[in-house]
Amino acid sequence: MNILGGTLEKMTANIFNTLFSIFGGIFSTIFVLTIAIFLSLEEKSVERALSLLFPKKYEAYALSLWGKCQKKVSGWFLSRILGCAF
């Protein structure tokens, strides 16, 4: 009886862990896609946010750094897409 109870307990724990990992992954994916869509809909939203966050003294540097980051990430993403295609 103890063996059956222990086995049943382990099975239910495994089922719940599996369900949480699946739905957690789905939730994370939906969350990231939603944030990406909202950031892409608003034109220059990140630039405006950086302008508000940084003092005028560092604003130009922060915006140039953001531009470099955009170029690097878009290059990385393009290489990933091309890598998947071939």
PDB file of N, CA and C in Angstrom:
ATOM      1  N   MET A   1       0.818  -1.191   0.000  1.00  0.00           N
ATOM      2  CA  MET A   1       0.000   0.000   0.000  1.00  0.00           C
ATOM      3  C   MET A   1       0.865   1.259   0.000  1.00  0.00           C
ATOM      4  N   ASN A   2       1.952   1.242   0.786  1.00  0.00           N
ATOM      5  CA  ASN A   2       2.848   2.393   0.819  1.00  0.00           C
ATOM      6  C   ASN A   2       3.537   2.604  -0.522  1.00  0.00           C
ATOM      7  N   ILE A   3       3.867   1.503  -1.181  1.00  0.00           N
ATOM      8  CA  ILE A   3       4.530   1.595  -2.483  1.00  0.00           C
ATOM      9  C   ILE A   3       3.588   2.215  -3.504  1.00  0.00           C
ATOM     10  N   LEU A   4       2.336   1.786  -3.495  1.00  0.00           N
ATOM     11  CA  LEU A   4       1.345   2.322  -4.414  1.00  0.00           C
ATOM     12  C   LEU A   4       1.115   3.805  -4.154  1.00  0.00           C
ATOM     13  N   GLY A   5       1.026   4.187  -2.893  1.00  0.00           N
ATOM     14  CA  GLY A   5       0.836   5.598  -2.541  1.00  0.00           C
ATOM     15  C   GLY A   5       2.023   6.450  -2.957  1.00  0.00           C
ATOM     16  N   GLY A   6       3.227   5.937  -2.754  1.00  0.00           N
ATOM     17  CA  GLY A   6       4.425   6.676  -3.149  1.00  0.00           C
ATOM     18  C   GLY A   6       4.525   6.833  -4.654  1.00  0.00           C
ATOM     19  N   THR A   7       4.183   5.770  -5.374  1.00  0.00           N
ATOM     20  CA  THR A   7       4.212   5.822  -6.838  1.00  0.00           C
ATOM     21  C   THR A   7       3.172   6.796  -7.364  1.00  0.00           C
ATOM     22  N   LEU A   8       1.981   6.760  -6.798  1.00  0.00           N
ATOM     23  CA  LEU A   8       0.917   7.671  -7.212  1.00  0.00           C
ATOM     24  C   LEU A   8       1.302   9.120  -6.927  1.00  0.00           C
ATOM     25  N   GLU A   9       1.927   9.354  -5.800  1.00  0.00           N
ATOM     26  CA  GLU A   9       2.364  10.706  -5.437  1.00  0.00           C
ATOM     27  C   GLU A   9       3.416  11.214  -6.420  1.00  0.00           C
ATOM     28  N   LYS A  10       4.357  10.365  -6.789  1.00  0.00           N
ATOM     29  CA  LYS A  10       5.397  10.760  -7.744  1.00  0.00           C
ATOM     30  C   LYS A  10       4.809  11.035  -9.124  1.00  0.00           C
ATOM     31  N   MET A  11       3.832  10.216  -9.527  1.00  0.00           N
ATOM     32  CA  MET A  11       3.211  10.410 -10.837  1.00  0.00           C
ATOM     33  C   MET A  11       2.459  11.731 -10.906  1.00  0.00           C
ATOM     34  N   THR A  12       1.700  12.053  -9.863  1.00  0.00           N
ATOM     35  CA  THR A  12       0.966  13.317  -9.874  1.00  0.00           C
ATOM     36  C   THR A  12       1.920  14.499  -9.832  1.00  0.00           C
ATOM     37  N   ALA A  13       3.009  14.374  -9.098  1.00  0.00           N
ATOM     38  CA  ALA A  13       3.996  15.456  -9.067  1.00  0.00           C
ATOM     39  C   ALA A  13       4.616  15.642 -10.442  1.00  0.00           C
ATOM     40  N   ASN A  14       4.922  14.544 -11.127  1.00  0.00           N
ATOM     41  CA  ASN A  14       5.488  14.640 -12.472  1.00  0.00           C
ATOM     42  C   ASN A  14       4.500  15.241 -13.460  1.00  0.00           C
ATOM     43  N   ILE A  15       3.232  14.874 -13.334  1.00  0.00           N
ATOM     44  CA  ILE A  15       2.213  15.427 -14.230  1.00  0.00           C
ATOM     45  C   ILE A  15       2.093  16.929 -14.020  1.00  0.00           C
ATOM     46  N   PHE A  16       2.043  17.367 -12.760  1.00  0.00           N
ATOM     47  CA  PHE A  16       1.930  18.794 -12.487  1.00  0.00           C
ATOM     48  C   PHE A  16       3.172  19.550 -12.948  1.00  0.00           C
ATOM     49  N   ASN A  17       4.341  18.986 -12.740  1.00  0.00           N
ATOM     50  CA  ASN A  17       5.565  19.640 -13.207  1.00  0.00           C
ATOM     51  C   ASN A  17       5.575  19.769 -14.720  1.00  0.00           C
ATOM     52  N   THR A  18       5.130  18.744 -15.404  1.00  0.00           N
ATOM     53  CA  THR A  18       5.065  18.787 -16.865  1.00  0.00           C
ATOM     54  C   THR A  18       4.077  19.842 -17.333  1.00  0.00           C
ATOM     55  N   LEU A  19       2.899  19.875 -16.727  1.00  0.00           N
ATOM     56  CA  LEU A  19       1.897  20.873 -17.108  1.00  0.00           C
ATOM     57  C   LEU A  19       2.386  22.288 -16.841  1.00  0.00           C
ATOM     58  N   PHE A  20       3.012  22.509 -15.688  1.00  0.00           N
ATOM     59  CA  PHE A  20       3.522  23.838 -15.374  1.00  0.00           C
ATOM     60  C   PHE A  20       4.623  24.251 -16.338  1.00  0.00           C
ATOM     61  N   SER A  21       5.481  23.330 -16.720  1.00  0.00           N
ATOM     62  CA  SER A  21       6.555  23.692 -17.645  1.00  0.00           C
ATOM     63  C   SER A  21       6.002  23.986 -19.036  1.00  0.00           C
ATOM     64  N   ILE A  22       5.004  23.232 -19.480  1.00  0.00           N
ATOM     65  CA  ILE A  22       4.408  23.488 -20.797  1.00  0.00           C
ATOM     66  C   ILE A  22       3.692  24.827 -20.805  1.00  0.00           C
ATOM     67  N   PHE A  23       2.795  25.033 -19.839  1.00  0.00           N
ATOM     68  CA  PHE A  23       2.036  26.277 -19.818  1.00  0.00           C
ATOM     69  C   PHE A  23       2.911  27.472 -19.459  1.00  0.00           C
ATOM     70  N   GLY A  24       3.950  27.249 -18.672  1.00  0.00           N
ATOM     71  CA  GLY A  24       4.892  28.329 -18.381  1.00  0.00           C
ATOM     72  C   GLY A  24       5.634  28.757 -19.629  1.00  0.00           C
ATOM     73  N   GLY A  25       6.024  27.800 -20.455  1.00  0.00           N
ATOM     74  CA  GLY A  25       6.693  28.116 -21.713  1.00  0.00           C
ATOM     75  C   GLY A  25       5.774  28.839 -22.678  1.00  0.00           C
ATOM     76  N   ILE A  26       4.526  28.390 -22.741  1.00  0.00           N
ATOM     77  CA  ILE A  26       3.551  29.052 -23.614  1.00  0.00           C
ATOM     78  C   ILE A  26       3.303  30.471 -23.133  1.00  0.00           C
ATOM     79  N   PHE A  27       3.144  30.647 -21.827  1.00  0.00           N
ATOM     80  CA  PHE A  27       2.919  31.985 -21.276  1.00  0.00           C
ATOM     81  C   PHE A  27       4.107  32.894 -21.557  1.00  0.00           C
ATOM     82  N   SER A  28       5.312  32.392 -21.379  1.00  0.00           N
ATOM     83  CA  SER A  28       6.507  33.201 -21.635  1.00  0.00           C
ATOM     84  C   SER A  28       6.579  33.619 -23.094  1.00  0.00           C
ATOM     85  N   THR A  29       6.263  32.707 -23.986  1.00  0.00           N
ATOM     86  CA  THR A  29       6.287  33.021 -25.412  1.00  0.00           C
ATOM     87  C   THR A  29       5.266  34.093 -25.754  1.00  0.00           C
ATOM     88  N   ILE A  30       4.056  33.945 -25.249  1.00  0.00           N
ATOM     89  CA  ILE A  30       3.010  34.938 -25.513  1.00  0.00           C
ATOM     90  C   ILE A  30       3.393  36.285 -24.921  1.00  0.00           C
ATOM     91  N   PHE A  31       3.973  36.282 -23.738  1.00  0.00           N
ATOM     92  CA  PHE A  31       4.383  37.531 -23.095  1.00  0.00           C
ATOM     93  C   PHE A  31       5.453  38.248 -23.915  1.00  0.00           C
ATOM     94  N   VAL A  32       6.461  37.514 -24.357  1.00  0.00           N
ATOM     95  CA  VAL A  32       7.543  38.122 -25.138  1.00  0.00           C
ATOM     96  C   VAL A  32       7.013  38.652 -26.467  1.00  0.00           C
ATOM     97  N   LEU A  33       6.154  37.894 -27.128  1.00  0.00           N
ATOM     98  CA  LEU A  33       5.590  38.360 -28.393  1.00  0.00           C
ATOM     99  C   LEU A  33       4.720  39.599 -28.198  1.00  0.00           C
ATOM    100  N   THR A  34       3.958  39.641 -27.118  1.00  0.00           N
ATOM    101  CA  THR A  34       3.121  40.811 -26.841  1.00  0.00           C
ATOM    102  C   THR A  34       3.974  42.051 -26.610  1.00  0.00           C
ATOM    103  N   ILE A  35       5.017  41.927 -25.814  1.00  0.00           N
ATOM    104  CA  ILE A  35       5.905  43.065 -25.566  1.00  0.00           C
ATOM    105  C   ILE A  35       6.577  43.503 -26.860  1.00  0.00           C
ATOM    106  N   ALA A  36       7.006  42.550 -27.680  1.00  0.00           N
ATOM    107  CA  ALA A  36       7.653  42.884 -28.950  1.00  0.00           C
ATOM    108  C   ALA A  36       6.698  43.626 -29.876  1.00  0.00           C
ATOM    109  N   ILE A  37       5.447  43.200 -29.916  1.00  0.00           N
ATOM    110  CA  ILE A  37       4.466  43.871 -30.773  1.00  0.00           C
ATOM    111  C   ILE A  37       4.212  45.286 -30.284  1.00  0.00           C
ATOM    112  N   PHE A  38       4.042  45.460 -28.986  1.00  0.00           N
ATOM    113  CA  PHE A  38       3.793  46.799 -28.470  1.00  0.00           C
ATOM    114  C   PHE A  38       4.987  47.720 -28.685  1.00  0.00           C
ATOM    115  N   LEU A  39       6.191  47.196 -28.545  1.00  0.00           N
ATOM    116  CA  LEU A  39       7.372  48.028 -28.784  1.00  0.00           C
ATOM    117  C   LEU A  39       7.515  48.388 -30.252  1.00  0.00           C
ATOM    118  N   SER A  40       7.110  47.501 -31.143  1.00  0.00           N
ATOM    119  CA  SER A  40       7.246  47.796 -32.564  1.00  0.00           C
ATOM    120  C   SER A  40       6.118  48.694 -33.074  1.00  0.00           C
ATOM    121  N   LEU A  41       4.970  48.679 -32.423  1.00  0.00           N
ATOM    122  CA  LEU A  41       3.864  49.529 -32.858  1.00  0.00           C
ATOM    123  C   LEU A  41       4.137  51.007 -32.588  1.00  0.00           C
ATOM    124  N   GLU A  42       4.703  51.285 -31.472  1.00  0.00           N
ATOM    125  CA  GLU A  42       4.971  52.661 -31.075  1.00  0.00           C
ATOM    126  C   GLU A  42       6.291  53.096 -31.701  1.00  0.00           C
ATOM    127  N   GLU A  43       6.210  54.040 -32.617  1.00  0.00           N
ATOM    128  CA  GLU A  43       7.418  54.481 -33.305  1.00  0.00           C
ATOM    129  C   GLU A  43       8.302  55.294 -32.362  1.00  0.00           C
ATOM    130  N   LYS A  44       9.535  54.910 -32.303  1.00  0.00           N
ATOM    131  CA  LYS A  44      10.559  55.579 -31.499  1.00  0.00           C
ATOM    132  C   LYS A  44      10.202  55.619 -30.011  1.00  0.00           C
ATOM    133  N   SER A  45       9.509  54.607 -29.534  1.00  0.00           N
ATOM    134  CA  SER A  45       9.127  54.581 -28.120  1.00  0.00           C
ATOM    135  C   SER A  45      10.339  54.365 -27.222  1.00  0.00           C
ATOM    136  N   VAL A  46      11.255  53.518 -27.652  1.00  0.00           N
ATOM    137  CA  VAL A  46      12.440  53.252 -26.838  1.00  0.00           C
ATOM    138  C   VAL A  46      13.316  54.498 -26.782  1.00  0.00           C
ATOM    139  N   GLU A  47      13.433  55.190 -27.909  1.00  0.00           N
ATOM    140  CA  GLU A  47      14.235  56.416 -27.919  1.00  0.00           C
ATOM    141  C   GLU A  47      13.657  57.462 -26.964  1.00  0.00           C
ATOM    142  N   ARG A  48      12.334  57.581 -26.967  1.00  0.00           N
ATOM    143  CA  ARG A  48      11.709  58.539 -26.049  1.00  0.00           C
ATOM    144  C   ARG A  48      11.895  58.124 -24.598  1.00  0.00           C
ATOM    145  N   ALA A  49      11.807  56.835 -24.339  1.00  0.00           N
ATOM    146  CA  ALA A  49      12.011  56.345 -22.973  1.00  0.00           C
ATOM    147  C   ALA A  49      13.445  56.594 -22.523  1.00  0.00           C
ATOM    148  N   LEU A  50      14.407  56.359 -23.416  1.00  0.00           N
ATOM    149  CA  LEU A  50      15.803  56.625 -23.070  1.00  0.00           C
ATOM    150  C   LEU A  50      16.037  58.112 -22.830  1.00  0.00           C
ATOM    151  N   SER A  51      15.372  58.955 -23.616  1.00  0.00           N
ATOM    152  CA  SER A  51      15.505  60.400 -23.423  1.00  0.00           C
ATOM    153  C   SER A  51      14.980  60.818 -22.055  1.00  0.00           C
ATOM    154  N   LEU A  52      13.934  60.152 -21.612  1.00  0.00           N
ATOM    155  CA  LEU A  52      13.376  60.479 -20.301  1.00  0.00           C
ATOM    156  C   LEU A  52      14.228  59.931 -19.160  1.00  0.00           C
ATOM    157  N   LEU A  53      14.851  58.787 -19.379  1.00  0.00           N
ATOM    158  CA  LEU A  53      15.617  58.145 -18.313  1.00  0.00           C
ATOM    159  C   LEU A  53      16.986  58.778 -18.082  1.00  0.00           C
ATOM    160  N   PHE A  54      17.624  59.190 -19.167  1.00  0.00           N
ATOM    161  CA  PHE A  54      18.986  59.702 -19.045  1.00  0.00           C
ATOM    162  C   PHE A  54      18.999  61.221 -19.014  1.00  0.00           C
ATOM    163  N   PRO A  55      19.941  61.804 -18.276  1.00  0.00           N
ATOM    164  CA  PRO A  55      20.067  63.260 -18.283  1.00  0.00           C
ATOM    165  C   PRO A  55      20.530  63.746 -19.659  1.00  0.00           C
ATOM    166  N   LYS A  56      20.299  65.009 -19.929  1.00  0.00           N
ATOM    167  CA  LYS A  56      20.663  65.591 -21.231  1.00  0.00           C
ATOM    168  C   LYS A  56      22.130  65.366 -21.558  1.00  0.00           C
ATOM    169  N   LYS A  57      22.948  65.341 -20.534  1.00  0.00           N
ATOM    170  CA  LYS A  57      24.390  65.177 -20.714  1.00  0.00           C
ATOM    171  C   LYS A  57      24.722  63.827 -21.357  1.00  0.00           C
ATOM    172  N   TYR A  58      23.966  62.782 -21.017  1.00  0.00           N
ATOM    173  CA  TYR A  58      24.241  61.435 -21.517  1.00  0.00           C
ATOM    174  C   TYR A  58      23.227  60.961 -22.557  1.00  0.00           C
ATOM    175  N   GLU A  59      22.303  61.816 -22.925  1.00  0.00           N
ATOM    176  CA  GLU A  59      21.234  61.408 -23.833  1.00  0.00           C
ATOM    177  C   GLU A  59      21.764  60.994 -25.206  1.00  0.00           C
ATOM    178  N   ALA A  60      22.664  61.764 -25.774  1.00  0.00           N
ATOM    179  CA  ALA A  60      23.208  61.447 -27.099  1.00  0.00           C
ATOM    180  C   ALA A  60      23.967  60.122 -27.069  1.00  0.00           C
ATOM    181  N   TYR A  61      24.729  59.900 -26.004  1.00  0.00           N
ATOM    182  CA  TYR A  61      25.473  58.644 -25.883  1.00  0.00           C
ATOM    183  C   TYR A  61      24.526  57.454 -25.763  1.00  0.00           C
ATOM    184  N   ALA A  62      23.488  57.594 -24.955  1.00  0.00           N
ATOM    185  CA  ALA A  62      22.528  56.500 -24.766  1.00  0.00           C
ATOM    186  C   ALA A  62      21.809  56.181 -26.073  1.00  0.00           C
ATOM    187  N   LEU A  63      21.441  57.218 -26.818  1.00  0.00           N
ATOM    188  CA  LEU A  63      20.754  56.985 -28.087  1.00  0.00           C
ATOM    189  C   LEU A  63      21.676  56.352 -29.127  1.00  0.00           C
ATOM    190  N   SER A  64      22.943  56.766 -29.145  1.00  0.00           N
ATOM    191  CA  SER A  64      23.876  56.142 -30.091  1.00  0.00           C
ATOM    192  C   SER A  64      24.142  54.687 -29.701  1.00  0.00           C
ATOM    193  N   LEU A  65      24.216  54.423 -28.414  1.00  0.00           N
ATOM    194  CA  LEU A  65      24.400  53.050 -27.947  1.00  0.00           C
ATOM    195  C   LEU A  65      23.184  52.192 -28.304  1.00  0.00           C
ATOM    196  N   TRP A  66      21.998  52.762 -28.186  1.00  0.00           N
ATOM    197  CA  TRP A  66      20.784  52.046 -28.575  1.00  0.00           C
ATOM    198  C   TRP A  66      20.798  51.734 -30.072  1.00  0.00           C
ATOM    199  N   GLY A  67      21.244  52.676 -30.893  1.00  0.00           N
ATOM    200  CA  GLY A  67      21.334  52.441 -32.332  1.00  0.00           C
ATOM    201  C   GLY A  67      22.296  51.309 -32.660  1.00  0.00           C
ATOM    202  N   LYS A  68      23.441  51.292 -31.971  1.00  0.00           N
ATOM    203  CA  LYS A  68      24.409  50.205 -32.181  1.00  0.00           C
ATOM    204  C   LYS A  68      23.813  48.860 -31.776  1.00  0.00           C
ATOM    205  N   CYS A  69      23.093  48.859 -30.659  1.00  0.00           N
ATOM    206  CA  CYS A  69      22.462  47.613 -30.203  1.00  0.00           C
ATOM    207  C   CYS A  69      21.439  47.115 -31.219  1.00  0.00           C
ATOM    208  N   GLN A  70      20.669  48.024 -31.785  1.00  0.00           N
ATOM    209  CA  GLN A  70      19.682  47.632 -32.784  1.00  0.00           C
ATOM    210  C   GLN A  70      20.355  47.002 -33.997  1.00  0.00           C
ATOM    211  N   LYS A  71      21.454  47.596 -34.451  1.00  0.00           N
ATOM    212  CA  LYS A  71      22.168  47.054 -35.612  1.00  0.00           C
ATOM    213  C   LYS A  71      22.738  45.676 -35.306  1.00  0.00           C
ATOM    214  N   LYS A  72      23.319  45.514 -34.125  1.00  0.00           N
ATOM    215  CA  LYS A  72      23.911  44.224 -33.752  1.00  0.00           C
ATOM    216  C   LYS A  72      22.840  43.136 -33.644  1.00  0.00           C
ATOM    217  N   VAL A  73      21.734  43.460 -32.994  1.00  0.00           N
ATOM    218  CA  VAL A  73      20.676  42.466 -32.809  1.00  0.00           C
ATOM    219  C   VAL A  73      20.026  42.119 -34.145  1.00  0.00           C
ATOM    220  N   SER A  74      19.817  43.111 -35.008  1.00  0.00           N
ATOM    221  CA  SER A  74      19.215  42.800 -36.306  1.00  0.00           C
ATOM    222  C   SER A  74      20.161  41.956 -37.150  1.00  0.00           C
ATOM    223  N   GLY A  75      21.461  42.205 -37.069  1.00  0.00           N
ATOM    224  CA  GLY A  75      22.428  41.364 -37.773  1.00  0.00           C
ATOM    225  C   GLY A  75      22.440  39.947 -37.235  1.00  0.00           C
ATOM    226  N   TRP A  76      22.377  39.821 -35.922  1.00  0.00           N
ATOM    227  CA  TRP A  76      22.338  38.498 -35.301  1.00  0.00           C
ATOM    228  C   TRP A  76      21.079  37.754 -35.717  1.00  0.00           C
ATOM    229  N   PHE A  77      19.946  38.455 -35.700  1.00  0.00           N
ATOM    230  CA  PHE A  77      18.680  37.828 -36.064  1.00  0.00           C
ATOM    231  C   PHE A  77      18.685  37.385 -37.523  1.00  0.00           C
ATOM    232  N   LEU A  78      19.219  38.217 -38.401  1.00  0.00           N
ATOM    233  CA  LEU A  78      19.307  37.867 -39.815  1.00  0.00           C
ATOM    234  C   LEU A  78      20.188  36.641 -40.016  1.00  0.00           C
ATOM    235  N   SER A  79      21.297  36.579 -39.285  1.00  0.00           N
ATOM    236  CA  SER A  79      22.167  35.404 -39.409  1.00  0.00           C
ATOM    237  C   SER A  79      21.459  34.143 -38.914  1.00  0.00           C
ATOM    238  N   ARG A  80      20.626  34.269 -37.892  1.00  0.00           N
ATOM    239  CA  ARG A  80      19.865  33.120 -37.400  1.00  0.00           C
ATOM    240  C   ARG A  80      18.832  32.659 -38.428  1.00  0.00           C
ATOM    241  N   ILE A  81      18.165  33.616 -39.046  1.00  0.00           N
ATOM    242  CA  ILE A  81      17.168  33.276 -40.064  1.00  0.00           C
ATOM    243  C   ILE A  81      17.842  32.601 -41.253  1.00  0.00           C
ATOM    244  N   LEU A  82      18.960  33.159 -41.706  1.00  0.00           N
ATOM    245  CA  LEU A  82      19.683  32.546 -42.821  1.00  0.00           C
ATOM    246  C   LEU A  82      20.227  31.177 -42.437  1.00  0.00           C
ATOM    247  N   GLY A  83      20.677  31.042 -41.199  1.00  0.00           N
ATOM    248  CA  GLY A  83      21.159  29.748 -40.727  1.00  0.00           C
ATOM    249  C   GLY A  83      20.065  28.694 -40.703  1.00  0.00           C
ATOM    250  N   CYS A  84      18.864  29.101 -40.349  1.00  0.00           N
ATOM    251  CA  CYS A  84      17.742  28.160 -40.343  1.00  0.00           C
ATOM    252  C   CYS A  84      17.311  27.801 -41.763  1.00  0.00           C
ATOM    253  N   ALA A  85      17.451  28.746 -42.683  1.00  0.00           N
ATOM    254  CA  ALA A  85      17.021  28.510 -44.062  1.00  0.00           C
ATOM    255  C   ALA A  85      17.936  27.524 -44.768  1.00  0.00           C
ATOM    256  N   PHE A  86      19.193  27.526 -44.405  1.00  0.00           N
ATOM    257  CA  PHE A  86      20.138  26.638 -45.092  1.00  0.00           C
ATOM    258  C   PHE A  86      20.588  25.617 -44.125  1.00  0.00           C
TER     259      PHE A  86
END
